[in-house]
Amino acid sequence: MTIGELAGASGVAISTVRFYERQGLVDPDRRTPAGYRLYDDETVRRVRFIRRAQELGFTLREVRDVLRLSEQPELIAFDDVAGQVAAKLDELERRIAELGRVRDALALLVETGPTHPRCPVVEALA
C-alpha cells in the first residue's frame, strides 16, 4: 500500500507517517522502481500502536523502547524495562490525581455557579 493508503488506514496524516519514518519508528516495506514507498499491513498495526501510545501519554522514546522490546526482547534487560514501566505508572497516578482535582473543581463550579469567591478551576490547577 502507498503512504496515503497507510495514512488513511491508520487514521493519521501522511506527514505523521513521514515523521515516524524520520524517527526510525516505521520503514517502508519496499520501494517501487520510481521510488514510491510501499508498506505492508503490519505497518498499519504499528502506526496505530504508535498513535494510541502517544494518546495515552507515552513519549516517542518510550514507544521506540516498547517496539524494540517486542522485536528483539533478548537485547533489552528486563530490569531496565521494569524501571521504565514503574516510572510511567507513577506518572499516570499523578496525572489521575490531578485530573480528579480538576473534576472536583468543575463539579464545584457547576454546583455553586459564579458566586464562588474564587474560580475553583484556577485553584485546582494552581
PDB file of N, CA and C in Angstrom:
ATOM      1  N   MET A   1       0.842  -1.182   0.000  1.00  0.00           N
ATOM      2  CA  MET A   1       0.000   0.000   0.000  1.00  0.00           C
ATOM      3  C   MET A   1       0.882   1.239   0.000  1.00  0.00           C
ATOM      4  N   THR A   2       0.362   2.310  -0.532  1.00  0.00           N
ATOM      5  CA  THR A   2       1.102   3.567  -0.615  1.00  0.00           C
ATOM      6  C   THR A   2       1.058   4.293   0.719  1.00  0.00           C
ATOM      7  N   ILE A   3       1.838   5.356   0.831  1.00  0.00           N
ATOM      8  CA  ILE A   3       1.861   6.129   2.069  1.00  0.00           C
ATOM      9  C   ILE A   3       0.483   6.742   2.356  1.00  0.00           C
ATOM     10  N   GLY A   4      -0.223   7.169   1.320  1.00  0.00           N
ATOM     11  CA  GLY A   4      -1.562   7.718   1.512  1.00  0.00           C
ATOM     12  C   GLY A   4      -2.537   6.670   2.014  1.00  0.00           C
ATOM     13  N   GLU A   5      -2.438   5.476   1.467  1.00  0.00           N
ATOM     14  CA  GLU A   5      -3.309   4.383   1.925  1.00  0.00           C
ATOM     15  C   GLU A   5      -2.977   3.989   3.357  1.00  0.00           C
ATOM     16  N   LEU A   6      -1.686   3.949   3.673  1.00  0.00           N
ATOM     17  CA  LEU A   6      -1.266   3.658   5.050  1.00  0.00           C
ATOM     18  C   LEU A   6      -1.806   4.703   6.010  1.00  0.00           C
ATOM     19  N   ALA A   7      -1.655   5.964   5.638  1.00  0.00           N
ATOM     20  CA  ALA A   7      -2.139   7.046   6.497  1.00  0.00           C
ATOM     21  C   ALA A   7      -3.641   6.918   6.714  1.00  0.00           C
ATOM     22  N   GLY A   8      -4.390   6.688   5.651  1.00  0.00           N
ATOM     23  CA  GLY A   8      -5.838   6.548   5.768  1.00  0.00           C
ATOM     24  C   GLY A   8      -6.233   5.362   6.625  1.00  0.00           C
ATOM     25  N   ALA A   9      -5.588   4.227   6.424  1.00  0.00           N
ATOM     26  CA  ALA A   9      -5.915   3.017   7.189  1.00  0.00           C
ATOM     27  C   ALA A   9      -5.522   3.148   8.657  1.00  0.00           C
ATOM     28  N   SER A  10      -4.509   3.979   8.936  1.00  0.00           N
ATOM     29  CA  SER A  10      -4.019   4.148  10.310  1.00  0.00           C
ATOM     30  C   SER A  10      -4.691   5.289  11.050  1.00  0.00           C
ATOM     31  N   GLY A  11      -5.379   6.168  10.305  1.00  0.00           N
ATOM     32  CA  GLY A  11      -6.030   7.313  10.940  1.00  0.00           C
ATOM     33  C   GLY A  11      -5.079   8.450  11.260  1.00  0.00           C
ATOM     34  N   VAL A  12      -3.989   8.564  10.508  1.00  0.00           N
ATOM     35  CA  VAL A  12      -3.037   9.651  10.712  1.00  0.00           C
ATOM     36  C   VAL A  12      -2.813  10.381   9.389  1.00  0.00           C
ATOM     37  N   ALA A  13      -2.143  11.503   9.460  1.00  0.00           N
ATOM     38  CA  ALA A  13      -1.805  12.255   8.255  1.00  0.00           C
ATOM     39  C   ALA A  13      -0.547  11.663   7.609  1.00  0.00           C
ATOM     40  N   ILE A  14      -0.392  11.909   6.326  1.00  0.00           N
ATOM     41  CA  ILE A  14       0.805  11.463   5.623  1.00  0.00           C
ATOM     42  C   ILE A  14       2.048  12.037   6.286  1.00  0.00           C
ATOM     43  N   SER A  15       1.978  13.285   6.710  1.00  0.00           N
ATOM     44  CA  SER A  15       3.134  13.906   7.367  1.00  0.00           C
ATOM     45  C   SER A  15       3.500  13.167   8.659  1.00  0.00           C
ATOM     46  N   THR A  16       2.511  12.584   9.328  1.00  0.00           N
ATOM     47  CA  THR A  16       2.781  11.813  10.545  1.00  0.00           C
ATOM     48  C   THR A  16       3.563  10.551  10.198  1.00  0.00           C
ATOM     49  N   VAL A  17       3.170   9.874   9.132  1.00  0.00           N
ATOM     50  CA  VAL A  17       3.898   8.675   8.705  1.00  0.00           C
ATOM     51  C   VAL A  17       5.343   9.050   8.384  1.00  0.00           C
ATOM     52  N   ARG A  18       5.532  10.135   7.668  1.00  0.00           N
ATOM     53  CA  ARG A  18       6.890  10.573   7.327  1.00  0.00           C
ATOM     54  C   ARG A  18       7.695  10.909   8.586  1.00  0.00           C
ATOM     55  N   PHE A  19       7.039  11.559   9.547  1.00  0.00           N
ATOM     56  CA  PHE A  19       7.699  11.878  10.810  1.00  0.00           C
ATOM     57  C   PHE A  19       8.122  10.598  11.521  1.00  0.00           C
ATOM     58  N   TYR A  20       7.218   9.615  11.587  1.00  0.00           N
ATOM     59  CA  TYR A  20       7.558   8.336  12.220  1.00  0.00           C
ATOM     60  C   TYR A  20       8.729   7.671  11.502  1.00  0.00           C
ATOM     61  N   GLU A  21       8.787   7.805  10.195  1.00  0.00           N
ATOM     62  CA  GLU A  21       9.917   7.265   9.439  1.00  0.00           C
ATOM     63  C   GLU A  21      11.214   7.965   9.847  1.00  0.00           C
ATOM     64  N   ARG A  22      11.187   9.293   9.902  1.00  0.00           N
ATOM     65  CA  ARG A  22      12.394  10.041  10.283  1.00  0.00           C
ATOM     66  C   ARG A  22      12.852   9.673  11.696  1.00  0.00           C
ATOM     67  N   GLN A  23      11.912   9.328  12.549  1.00  0.00           N
ATOM     68  CA  GLN A  23      12.226   8.948  13.924  1.00  0.00           C
ATOM     69  C   GLN A  23      12.664   7.492  14.033  1.00  0.00           C
ATOM     70  N   GLY A  24      12.610   6.758  12.932  1.00  0.00           N
ATOM     71  CA  GLY A  24      13.024   5.358  12.936  1.00  0.00           C
ATOM     72  C   GLY A  24      11.986   4.413  13.510  1.00  0.00           C
ATOM     73  N   LEU A  25      10.739   4.848  13.557  1.00  0.00           N
ATOM     74  CA  LEU A  25       9.676   4.007  14.121  1.00  0.00           C
ATOM     75  C   LEU A  25       9.018   3.115  13.086  1.00  0.00           C
ATOM     76  N   VAL A  26       8.986   3.537  11.844  1.00  0.00           N
ATOM     77  CA  VAL A  26       8.440   2.720  10.756  1.00  0.00           C
ATOM     78  C   VAL A  26       9.355   2.853   9.536  1.00  0.00           C
ATOM     79  N   ASP A  27       9.325   1.839   8.735  1.00  0.00           N
ATOM     80  CA  ASP A  27      10.082   1.837   7.484  1.00  0.00           C
ATOM     81  C   ASP A  27       9.185   1.288   6.387  1.00  0.00           C
ATOM     82  N   PRO A  28       9.370   1.786   5.170  1.00  0.00           N
ATOM     83  CA  PRO A  28       8.627   1.193   4.066  1.00  0.00           C
ATOM     84  C   PRO A  28       9.065  -0.257   3.882  1.00  0.00           C
ATOM     85  N   ASP A  29       8.123  -1.089   3.492  1.00  0.00           N
ATOM     86  CA  ASP A  29       8.426  -2.496   3.235  1.00  0.00           C
ATOM     87  C   ASP A  29       9.349  -2.608   2.024  1.00  0.00           C
ATOM     88  N   ARG A  30       9.060  -1.790   1.031  1.00  0.00           N
ATOM     89  CA  ARG A  30       9.882  -1.742  -0.185  1.00  0.00           C
ATOM     90  C   ARG A  30       9.557  -0.457  -0.932  1.00  0.00           C
ATOM     91  N   ARG A  31      10.265  -0.219  -2.013  1.00  0.00           N
ATOM     92  CA  ARG A  31      10.010   0.949  -2.861  1.00  0.00           C
ATOM     93  C   ARG A  31       9.798   0.477  -4.289  1.00  0.00           C
ATOM     94  N   THR A  32       8.981   1.226  -5.004  1.00  0.00           N
ATOM     95  CA  THR A  32       8.765   0.935  -6.419  1.00  0.00           C
ATOM     96  C   THR A  32       9.993   1.390  -7.200  1.00  0.00           C
ATOM     97  N   PRO A  33      10.125   0.967  -8.455  1.00  0.00           N
ATOM     98  CA  PRO A  33      11.244   1.465  -9.271  1.00  0.00           C
ATOM     99  C   PRO A  33      11.270   2.993  -9.364  1.00  0.00           C
ATOM    100  N   ALA A  34      10.108   3.617  -9.221  1.00  0.00           N
ATOM    101  CA  ALA A  34      10.046   5.083  -9.263  1.00  0.00           C
ATOM    102  C   ALA A  34      10.353   5.714  -7.907  1.00  0.00           C
ATOM    103  N   GLY A  35      10.575   4.901  -6.884  1.00  0.00           N
ATOM    104  CA  GLY A  35      10.941   5.415  -5.574  1.00  0.00           C
ATOM    105  C   GLY A  35       9.783   5.616  -4.604  1.00  0.00           C
ATOM    106  N   TYR A  36       8.558   5.243  -5.003  1.00  0.00           N
ATOM    107  CA  TYR A  36       7.422   5.388  -4.095  1.00  0.00           C
ATOM    108  C   TYR A  36       7.515   4.369  -2.966  1.00  0.00           C
ATOM    109  N   ARG A  37       7.189   4.832  -1.763  1.00  0.00           N
ATOM    110  CA  ARG A  37       7.199   3.941  -0.604  1.00  0.00           C
ATOM    111  C   ARG A  37       6.000   3.002  -0.673  1.00  0.00           C
ATOM    112  N   LEU A  38       6.235   1.752  -0.315  1.00  0.00           N
ATOM    113  CA  LEU A  38       5.151   0.775  -0.206  1.00  0.00           C
ATOM    114  C   LEU A  38       5.241   0.110   1.164  1.00  0.00           C
ATOM    115  N   TYR A  39       4.085  -0.084   1.776  1.00  0.00           N
ATOM    116  CA  TYR A  39       4.013  -0.600   3.135  1.00  0.00           C
ATOM    117  C   TYR A  39       3.155  -1.853   3.164  1.00  0.00           C
ATOM    118  N   ASP A  40       3.390  -2.685   4.181  1.00  0.00           N
ATOM    119  CA  ASP A  40       2.570  -3.878   4.351  1.00  0.00           C
ATOM    120  C   ASP A  40       1.534  -3.644   5.454  1.00  0.00           C
ATOM    121  N   ASP A  41       0.671  -4.624   5.649  1.00  0.00           N
ATOM    122  CA  ASP A  41      -0.402  -4.497   6.645  1.00  0.00           C
ATOM    123  C   ASP A  41       0.141  -4.381   8.072  1.00  0.00           C
ATOM    124  N   GLU A  42       1.283  -4.976   8.330  1.00  0.00           N
ATOM    125  CA  GLU A  42       1.866  -4.891   9.672  1.00  0.00           C
ATOM    126  C   GLU A  42       2.212  -3.449  10.028  1.00  0.00           C
ATOM    127  N   THR A  43       2.557  -2.644   9.044  1.00  0.00           N
ATOM    128  CA  THR A  43       2.890  -1.245   9.300  1.00  0.00           C
ATOM    129  C   THR A  43       1.656  -0.469   9.757  1.00  0.00           C
ATOM    130  N   VAL A  44       0.487  -0.843   9.257  1.00  0.00           N
ATOM    131  CA  VAL A  44      -0.758  -0.212   9.716  1.00  0.00           C
ATOM    132  C   VAL A  44      -0.919  -0.452  11.212  1.00  0.00           C
ATOM    133  N   ARG A  45      -0.730  -1.690  11.632  1.00  0.00           N
ATOM    134  CA  ARG A  45      -0.847  -2.032  13.056  1.00  0.00           C
ATOM    135  C   ARG A  45       0.177  -1.254  13.876  1.00  0.00           C
ATOM    136  N   ARG A  46       1.373  -1.142  13.364  1.00  0.00           N
ATOM    137  CA  ARG A  46       2.443  -0.438  14.069  1.00  0.00           C
ATOM    138  C   ARG A  46       2.129   1.052  14.219  1.00  0.00           C
ATOM    139  N   VAL A  47       1.674   1.688  13.149  1.00  0.00           N
ATOM    140  CA  VAL A  47       1.348   3.122  13.212  1.00  0.00           C
ATOM    141  C   VAL A  47       0.182   3.351  14.165  1.00  0.00           C
ATOM    142  N   ARG A  48      -0.814   2.482  14.138  1.00  0.00           N
ATOM    143  CA  ARG A  48      -1.933   2.612  15.081  1.00  0.00           C
ATOM    144  C   ARG A  48      -1.447   2.493  16.519  1.00  0.00           C
ATOM    145  N   PHE A  49      -0.543   1.547  16.761  1.00  0.00           N
ATOM    146  CA  PHE A  49       0.007   1.382  18.103  1.00  0.00           C
ATOM    147  C   PHE A  49       0.737   2.655  18.542  1.00  0.00           C
ATOM    148  N   ILE A  50       1.591   3.192  17.666  1.00  0.00           N
ATOM    149  CA  ILE A  50       2.357   4.391  17.998  1.00  0.00           C
ATOM    150  C   ILE A  50       1.408   5.540  18.338  1.00  0.00           C
ATOM    151  N   ARG A  51       0.407   5.741  17.492  1.00  0.00           N
ATOM    152  CA  ARG A  51      -0.541   6.846  17.704  1.00  0.00           C
ATOM    153  C   ARG A  51      -1.295   6.662  19.017  1.00  0.00           C
ATOM    154  N   ARG A  52      -1.760   5.452  19.279  1.00  0.00           N
ATOM    155  CA  ARG A  52      -2.521   5.195  20.511  1.00  0.00           C
ATOM    156  C   ARG A  52      -1.636   5.371  21.748  1.00  0.00           C
ATOM    157  N   ALA A  53      -0.406   4.891  21.673  1.00  0.00           N
ATOM    158  CA  ALA A  53       0.512   5.039  22.801  1.00  0.00           C
ATOM    159  C   ALA A  53       0.776   6.512  23.092  1.00  0.00           C
ATOM    160  N   GLN A  54       0.932   7.316  22.042  1.00  0.00           N
ATOM    161  CA  GLN A  54       1.126   8.759  22.241  1.00  0.00           C
ATOM    162  C   GLN A  54      -0.117   9.387  22.872  1.00  0.00           C
ATOM    163  N   GLU A  55      -1.298   8.967  22.427  1.00  0.00           N
ATOM    164  CA  GLU A  55      -2.537   9.499  23.015  1.00  0.00           C
ATOM    165  C   GLU A  55      -2.607   9.188  24.503  1.00  0.00           C
ATOM    166  N   LEU A  56      -2.032   8.062  24.905  1.00  0.00           N
ATOM    167  CA  LEU A  56      -2.045   7.659  26.311  1.00  0.00           C
ATOM    168  C   LEU A  56      -0.918   8.292  27.118  1.00  0.00           C
ATOM    169  N   GLY A  57      -0.096   9.112  26.454  1.00  0.00           N
ATOM    170  CA  GLY A  57       0.929   9.850  27.179  1.00  0.00           C
ATOM    171  C   GLY A  57       2.329   9.288  27.085  1.00  0.00           C
ATOM    172  N   PHE A  58       2.546   8.269  26.273  1.00  0.00           N
ATOM    173  CA  PHE A  58       3.884   7.726  26.120  1.00  0.00           C
ATOM    174  C   PHE A  58       4.687   8.606  25.166  1.00  0.00           C
ATOM    175  N   THR A  59       5.954   8.802  25.473  1.00  0.00           N
ATOM    176  CA  THR A  59       6.834   9.566  24.598  1.00  0.00           C
ATOM    177  C   THR A  59       7.270   8.678  23.438  1.00  0.00           C
ATOM    178  N   LEU A  60       7.798   9.308  22.400  1.00  0.00           N
ATOM    179  CA  LEU A  60       8.289   8.514  21.276  1.00  0.00           C
ATOM    180  C   LEU A  60       9.464   7.628  21.690  1.00  0.00           C
ATOM    181  N   ARG A  61      10.273   8.087  22.617  1.00  0.00           N
ATOM    182  CA  ARG A  61      11.370   7.242  23.116  1.00  0.00           C
ATOM    183  C   ARG A  61      10.822   5.997  23.796  1.00  0.00           C
ATOM    184  N   GLU A  62       9.776   6.190  24.607  1.00  0.00           N
ATOM    185  CA  GLU A  62       9.160   5.046  25.285  1.00  0.00           C
ATOM    186  C   GLU A  62       8.520   4.099  24.273  1.00  0.00           C
ATOM    187  N   VAL A  63       7.864   4.661  23.272  1.00  0.00           N
ATOM    188  CA  VAL A  63       7.253   3.842  22.225  1.00  0.00           C
ATOM    189  C   VAL A  63       8.334   3.049  21.501  1.00  0.00           C
ATOM    190  N   ARG A  64       9.435   3.709  21.171  1.00  0.00           N
ATOM    191  CA  ARG A  64      10.540   3.038  20.480  1.00  0.00           C
ATOM    192  C   ARG A  64      11.069   1.884  21.313  1.00  0.00           C
ATOM    193  N   ASP A  65      11.206   2.100  22.632  1.00  0.00           N
ATOM    194  CA  ASP A  65      11.698   1.033  23.518  1.00  0.00           C
ATOM    195  C   ASP A  65      10.750  -0.160  23.528  1.00  0.00           C
ATOM    196  N   VAL A  66       9.459   0.105  23.589  1.00  0.00           N
ATOM    197  CA  VAL A  66       8.478  -0.981  23.593  1.00  0.00           C
ATOM    198  C   VAL A  66       8.523  -1.750  22.276  1.00  0.00           C
ATOM    199  N   LEU A  67       8.605  -1.020  21.174  1.00  0.00           N
ATOM    200  CA  LEU A  67       8.682  -1.678  19.873  1.00  0.00           C
ATOM    201  C   LEU A  67       9.948  -2.520  19.759  1.00  0.00           C
ATOM    202  N   ARG A  68      11.062  -1.981  20.235  1.00  0.00           N
ATOM    203  CA  ARG A  68      12.318  -2.732  20.201  1.00  0.00           C
ATOM    204  C   ARG A  68      12.218  -3.986  21.061  1.00  0.00           C
ATOM    205  N   LEU A  69      11.589  -3.850  22.234  1.00  0.00           N
ATOM    206  CA  LEU A  69      11.408  -4.994  23.116  1.00  0.00           C
ATOM    207  C   LEU A  69      10.560  -6.066  22.445  1.00  0.00           C
ATOM    208  N   SER A  70       9.508  -5.644  21.740  1.00  0.00           N
ATOM    209  CA  SER A  70       8.639  -6.626  21.091  1.00  0.00           C
ATOM    210  C   SER A  70       9.338  -7.323  19.924  1.00  0.00           C
ATOM    211  N   GLU A  71      10.295  -6.629  19.305  1.00  0.00           N
ATOM    212  CA  GLU A  71      11.002  -7.201  18.160  1.00  0.00           C
ATOM    213  C   GLU A  71      12.228  -8.015  18.560  1.00  0.00           C
ATOM    214  N   GLN A  72      12.934  -7.538  19.581  1.00  0.00           N
ATOM    215  CA  GLN A  72      14.179  -8.196  19.989  1.00  0.00           C
ATOM    216  C   GLN A  72      14.282  -8.214  21.509  1.00  0.00           C
ATOM    217  N   PRO A  73      13.464  -9.010  22.171  1.00  0.00           N
ATOM    218  CA  PRO A  73      13.449  -8.999  23.645  1.00  0.00           C
ATOM    219  C   PRO A  73      14.789  -9.364  24.272  1.00  0.00           C
ATOM    220  N   GLU A  74      15.626 -10.097  23.565  1.00  0.00           N
ATOM    221  CA  GLU A  74      16.908 -10.508  24.131  1.00  0.00           C
ATOM    222  C   GLU A  74      17.897  -9.344  24.249  1.00  0.00           C
ATOM    223  N   LEU A  75      17.638  -8.236  23.556  1.00  0.00           N
ATOM    224  CA  LEU A  75      18.562  -7.107  23.581  1.00  0.00           C
ATOM    225  C   LEU A  75      18.303  -6.126  24.722  1.00  0.00           C
ATOM    226  N   ILE A  76      17.195  -6.277  25.397  1.00  0.00           N
ATOM    227  CA  ILE A  76      16.825  -5.307  26.424  1.00  0.00           C
ATOM    228  C   ILE A  76      16.731  -6.014  27.774  1.00  0.00           C
ATOM    229  N   ALA A  77      17.385  -5.447  28.771  1.00  0.00           N
ATOM    230  CA  ALA A  77      17.352  -6.024  30.113  1.00  0.00           C
ATOM    231  C   ALA A  77      15.983  -5.799  30.743  1.00  0.00           C
ATOM    232  N   PHE A  78      15.430  -6.836  31.323  1.00  0.00           N
ATOM    233  CA  PHE A  78      14.106  -6.730  31.925  1.00  0.00           C
ATOM    234  C   PHE A  78      14.075  -5.683  33.028  1.00  0.00           C
ATOM    235  N   ASP A  79      15.153  -5.577  33.811  1.00  0.00           N
ATOM    236  CA  ASP A  79      15.192  -4.596  34.902  1.00  0.00           C
ATOM    237  C   ASP A  79      15.040  -3.172  34.372  1.00  0.00           C
ATOM    238  N   ASP A  80      15.640  -2.888  33.209  1.00  0.00           N
ATOM    239  CA  ASP A  80      15.503  -1.563  32.608  1.00  0.00           C
ATOM    240  C   ASP A  80      14.058  -1.288  32.234  1.00  0.00           C
ATOM    241  N   VAL A  81      13.422  -2.268  31.634  1.00  0.00           N
ATOM    242  CA  VAL A  81      12.019  -2.116  31.220  1.00  0.00           C
ATOM    243  C   VAL A  81      11.135  -1.977  32.445  1.00  0.00           C
ATOM    244  N   ALA A  82      11.375  -2.799  33.455  1.00  0.00           N
ATOM    245  CA  ALA A  82      10.568  -2.739  34.672  1.00  0.00           C
ATOM    246  C   ALA A  82      10.678  -1.367  35.324  1.00  0.00           C
ATOM    247  N   GLY A  83      11.869  -0.791  35.326  1.00  0.00           N
ATOM    248  CA  GLY A  83      12.047   0.550  35.884  1.00  0.00           C
ATOM    249  C   GLY A  83      11.287   1.597  35.095  1.00  0.00           C
ATOM    250  N   GLN A  84      11.306   1.495  33.783  1.00  0.00           N
ATOM    251  CA  GLN A  84      10.570   2.436  32.943  1.00  0.00           C
ATOM    252  C   GLN A  84       9.066   2.284  33.155  1.00  0.00           C
ATOM    253  N   VAL A  85       8.607   1.059  33.272  1.00  0.00           N
ATOM    254  CA  VAL A  85       7.181   0.817  33.490  1.00  0.00           C
ATOM    255  C   VAL A  85       6.756   1.380  34.845  1.00  0.00           C
ATOM    256  N   ALA A  86       7.565   1.187  35.862  1.00  0.00           N
ATOM    257  CA  ALA A  86       7.246   1.718  37.195  1.00  0.00           C
ATOM    258  C   ALA A  86       7.193   3.244  37.168  1.00  0.00           C
ATOM    259  N   ALA A  87       8.122   3.859  36.463  1.00  0.00           N
ATOM    260  CA  ALA A  87       8.125   5.325  36.359  1.00  0.00           C
ATOM    261  C   ALA A  87       6.889   5.820  35.622  1.00  0.00           C
ATOM    262  N   LYS A  88       6.500   5.128  34.559  1.00  0.00           N
ATOM    263  CA  LYS A  88       5.305   5.513  33.809  1.00  0.00           C
ATOM    264  C   LYS A  88       4.069   5.336  34.682  1.00  0.00           C
ATOM    265  N   LEU A  89       4.020   4.291  35.467  1.00  0.00           N
ATOM    266  CA  LEU A  89       2.891   4.072  36.373  1.00  0.00           C
ATOM    267  C   LEU A  89       2.790   5.200  37.390  1.00  0.00           C
ATOM    268  N   ASP A  90       3.915   5.624  37.961  1.00  0.00           N
ATOM    269  CA  ASP A  90       3.913   6.746  38.903  1.00  0.00           C
ATOM    270  C   ASP A  90       3.406   8.017  38.230  1.00  0.00           C
ATOM    271  N   GLU A  91       3.867   8.264  37.013  1.00  0.00           N
ATOM    272  CA  GLU A  91       3.428   9.447  36.272  1.00  0.00           C
ATOM    273  C   GLU A  91       1.920   9.407  36.021  1.00  0.00           C
ATOM    274  N   LEU A  92       1.414   8.248  35.646  1.00  0.00           N
ATOM    275  CA  LEU A  92      -0.031   8.124  35.401  1.00  0.00           C
ATOM    276  C   LEU A  92      -0.827   8.344  36.675  1.00  0.00           C
ATOM    277  N   GLU A  93      -0.327   7.833  37.785  1.00  0.00           N
ATOM    278  CA  GLU A  93      -1.017   8.033  39.069  1.00  0.00           C
ATOM    279  C   GLU A  93      -1.090   9.521  39.409  1.00  0.00           C
ATOM    280  N   ARG A  94       0.001  10.258  39.166  1.00  0.00           N
ATOM    281  CA  ARG A  94      -0.003  11.709  39.426  1.00  0.00           C
ATOM    282  C   ARG A  94      -1.010  12.416  38.517  1.00  0.00           C
ATOM    283  N   ARG A  95      -1.044  12.024  37.260  1.00  0.00           N
ATOM    284  CA  ARG A  95      -1.979  12.645  36.319  1.00  0.00           C
ATOM    285  C   ARG A  95      -3.423  12.338  36.689  1.00  0.00           C
ATOM    286  N   ILE A  96      -3.679  11.113  37.132  1.00  0.00           N
ATOM    287  CA  ILE A  96      -5.029  10.744  37.551  1.00  0.00           C
ATOM    288  C   ILE A  96      -5.455  11.591  38.749  1.00  0.00           C
ATOM    289  N   ALA A  97      -4.551  11.783  39.708  1.00  0.00           N
ATOM    290  CA  ALA A  97      -4.866  12.605  40.884  1.00  0.00           C
ATOM    291  C   ALA A  97      -5.147  14.046  40.465  1.00  0.00           C
ATOM    292  N   GLU A  98      -4.342  14.563  39.545  1.00  0.00           N
ATOM    293  CA  GLU A  98      -4.554  15.931  39.069  1.00  0.00           C
ATOM    294  C   GLU A  98      -5.894  16.050  38.336  1.00  0.00           C
ATOM    295  N   LEU A  99      -6.202  15.094  37.513  1.00  0.00           N
ATOM    296  CA  LEU A  99      -7.491  15.122  36.812  1.00  0.00           C
ATOM    297  C   LEU A  99      -8.659  15.034  37.802  1.00  0.00           C
ATOM    298  N   GLY A 100      -8.468  14.286  38.876  1.00  0.00           N
ATOM    299  CA  GLY A 100      -9.506  14.217  39.915  1.00  0.00           C
ATOM    300  C   GLY A 100      -9.737  15.570  40.563  1.00  0.00           C
ATOM    301  N   ARG A 101      -8.645  16.315  40.812  1.00  0.00           N
ATOM    302  CA  ARG A 101      -8.785  17.658  41.388  1.00  0.00           C
ATOM    303  C   ARG A 101      -9.514  18.595  40.420  1.00  0.00           C
ATOM    304  N   VAL A 102      -9.191  18.500  39.145  1.00  0.00           N
ATOM    305  CA  VAL A 102      -9.857  19.347  38.156  1.00  0.00           C
ATOM    306  C   VAL A 102     -11.337  18.957  38.052  1.00  0.00           C
ATOM    307  N   ARG A 103     -11.630  17.659  38.043  1.00  0.00           N
ATOM    308  CA  ARG A 103     -13.024  17.202  38.011  1.00  0.00           C
ATOM    309  C   ARG A 103     -13.798  17.747  39.204  1.00  0.00           C
ATOM    310  N   ASP A 104     -13.210  17.664  40.387  1.00  0.00           N
ATOM    311  CA  ASP A 104     -13.882  18.166  41.578  1.00  0.00           C
ATOM    312  C   ASP A 104     -14.105  19.679  41.489  1.00  0.00           C
ATOM    313  N   ALA A 105     -13.125  20.395  40.943  1.00  0.00           N
ATOM    314  CA  ALA A 105     -13.255  21.849  40.792  1.00  0.00           C
ATOM    315  C   ALA A 105     -14.362  22.193  39.817  1.00  0.00           C
ATOM    316  N   LEU A 106     -14.438  21.455  38.724  1.00  0.00           N
ATOM    317  CA  LEU A 106     -15.504  21.701  37.744  1.00  0.00           C
ATOM    318  C   LEU A 106     -16.874  21.397  38.342  1.00  0.00           C
ATOM    319  N   ALA A 107     -16.955  20.322  39.125  1.00  0.00           N
ATOM    320  CA  ALA A 107     -18.219  19.980  39.777  1.00  0.00           C
ATOM    321  C   ALA A 107     -18.627  21.090  40.756  1.00  0.00           C
ATOM    322  N   LEU A 108     -17.672  21.623  41.483  1.00  0.00           N
ATOM    323  CA  LEU A 108     -17.953  22.724  42.413  1.00  0.00           C
ATOM    324  C   LEU A 108     -18.430  23.955  41.658  1.00  0.00           C
ATOM    325  N   LEU A 109     -17.793  24.230  40.538  1.00  0.00           N
ATOM    326  CA  LEU A 109     -18.181  25.382  39.730  1.00  0.00           C
ATOM    327  C   LEU A 109     -19.619  25.233  39.238  1.00  0.00           C
ATOM    328  N   VAL A 110     -19.960  24.055  38.779  1.00  0.00           N
ATOM    329  CA  VAL A 110     -21.331  23.806  38.315  1.00  0.00           C
ATOM    330  C   VAL A 110     -22.307  23.908  39.478  1.00  0.00           C
ATOM    331  N   GLU A 111     -21.910  23.389  40.614  1.00  0.00           N
ATOM    332  CA  GLU A 111     -22.779  23.373  41.790  1.00  0.00           C
ATOM    333  C   GLU A 111     -23.006  24.764  42.370  1.00  0.00           C
ATOM    334  N   THR A 112     -21.945  25.562  42.481  1.00  0.00           N
ATOM    335  CA  THR A 112     -22.066  26.856  43.155  1.00  0.00           C
ATOM    336  C   THR A 112     -22.304  28.016  42.201  1.00  0.00           C
ATOM    337  N   GLY A 113     -21.998  27.812  40.930  1.00  0.00           N
ATOM    338  CA  GLY A 113     -22.196  28.878  39.962  1.00  0.00           C
ATOM    339  C   GLY A 113     -21.152  29.970  40.127  1.00  0.00           C
ATOM    340  N   PRO A 114     -21.385  31.106  39.509  1.00  0.00           N
ATOM    341  CA  PRO A 114     -20.379  32.174  39.509  1.00  0.00           C
ATOM    342  C   PRO A 114     -20.272  32.913  40.839  1.00  0.00           C
ATOM    343  N   THR A 115     -21.028  32.528  41.858  1.00  0.00           N
ATOM    344  CA  THR A 115     -20.989  33.244  43.135  1.00  0.00           C
ATOM    345  C   THR A 115     -19.820  32.801  44.011  1.00  0.00           C
ATOM    346  N   HIS A 116     -19.138  31.732  43.630  1.00  0.00           N
ATOM    347  CA  HIS A 116     -17.997  31.268  44.421  1.00  0.00           C
ATOM    348  C   HIS A 116     -16.918  32.357  44.400  1.00  0.00           C
ATOM    349  N   PRO A 117     -16.300  32.681  45.568  1.00  0.00           N
ATOM    350  CA  PRO A 117     -15.355  33.802  45.619  1.00  0.00           C
ATOM    351  C   PRO A 117     -14.125  33.634  44.716  1.00  0.00           C
ATOM    352  N   ARG A 118     -13.659  32.418  44.532  1.00  0.00           N
ATOM    353  CA  ARG A 118     -12.520  32.171  43.649  1.00  0.00           C
ATOM    354  C   ARG A 118     -12.877  31.070  42.670  1.00  0.00           C
ATOM    355  N   CYS A 119     -12.351  31.180  41.499  1.00  0.00           N
ATOM    356  CA  CYS A 119     -12.613  30.147  40.484  1.00  0.00           C
ATOM    357  C   CYS A 119     -11.990  28.828  40.949  1.00  0.00           C
ATOM    358  N   PRO A 120     -12.801  27.792  41.166  1.00  0.00           N
ATOM    359  CA  PRO A 120     -12.259  26.528  41.658  1.00  0.00           C
ATOM    360  C   PRO A 120     -11.349  25.838  40.633  1.00  0.00           C
ATOM    361  N   VAL A 121     -11.544  26.110  39.365  1.00  0.00           N
ATOM    362  CA  VAL A 121     -10.686  25.501  38.350  1.00  0.00           C
ATOM    363  C   VAL A 121      -9.272  26.061  38.456  1.00  0.00           C
ATOM    364  N   VAL A 122      -9.189  27.393  38.599  1.00  0.00           N
ATOM    365  CA  VAL A 122      -7.879  28.007  38.759  1.00  0.00           C
ATOM    366  C   VAL A 122      -7.223  27.514  40.043  1.00  0.00           C
ATOM    367  N   GLU A 123      -8.007  27.407  41.103  1.00  0.00           N
ATOM    368  CA  GLU A 123      -7.471  26.904  42.368  1.00  0.00           C
ATOM    369  C   GLU A 123      -6.938  25.478  42.224  1.00  0.00           C
ATOM    370  N   ALA A 124      -7.683  24.617  41.528  1.00  0.00           N
ATOM    371  CA  ALA A 124      -7.273  23.212  41.363  1.00  0.00           C
ATOM    372  C   ALA A 124      -5.999  23.103  40.550  1.00  0.00           C
ATOM    373  N   LEU A 125      -5.868  23.935  39.525  1.00  0.00           N
ATOM    374  CA  LEU A 125      -4.694  23.869  38.676  1.00  0.00           C
ATOM    375  C   LEU A 125      -3.486  24.544  39.314  1.00  0.00           C
ATOM    376  N   ALA A 126      -3.747  25.501  40.204  1.00  0.00           N
ATOM    377  CA  ALA A 126      -2.646  26.203  40.856  1.00  0.00           C
ATOM    378  C   ALA A 126      -2.039  25.327  41.927  1.00  0.00           C
TER     379      ALA A 126
END
